[in-house]
Amino acid sequence: MQCPVVEFHDIIGFSGAVAILLAYFLLQAKKMSADGLAYSVLNLVGALLILFSLTYAWNLTAVFIEIVWSGISLFGIMKWYRTTSIEKTS
């Protein structure tokens, strides 16, 4: 039996999945806030890494969810920046 070859894009996609799962675990363990910058950044980085891997192994449904996941993460990042800039001016 031959061992499967792990390619670069697989490692990148796996890293993205780990980033998203880590963010979720830290949220559930109350070590990270859903309103914090780190949560949204980890989710965005994870989604972008998975999207990169999907350019090598196309799956329309997975691409769709990662694009939406990235958009929601960007929304969270923008919300965090708005909140912190309002707090600084107050």
Foldseek 3Di string as FASTA:
>chain_A
DDDDDQDPLNVLLVQLVVLLVVLVVCVVVVVDDPLDLSSLVSQLSSLVSNCSSCVVVPDVVSNVVSVVSNVVSVVSNVSSVVVVVVVVVD
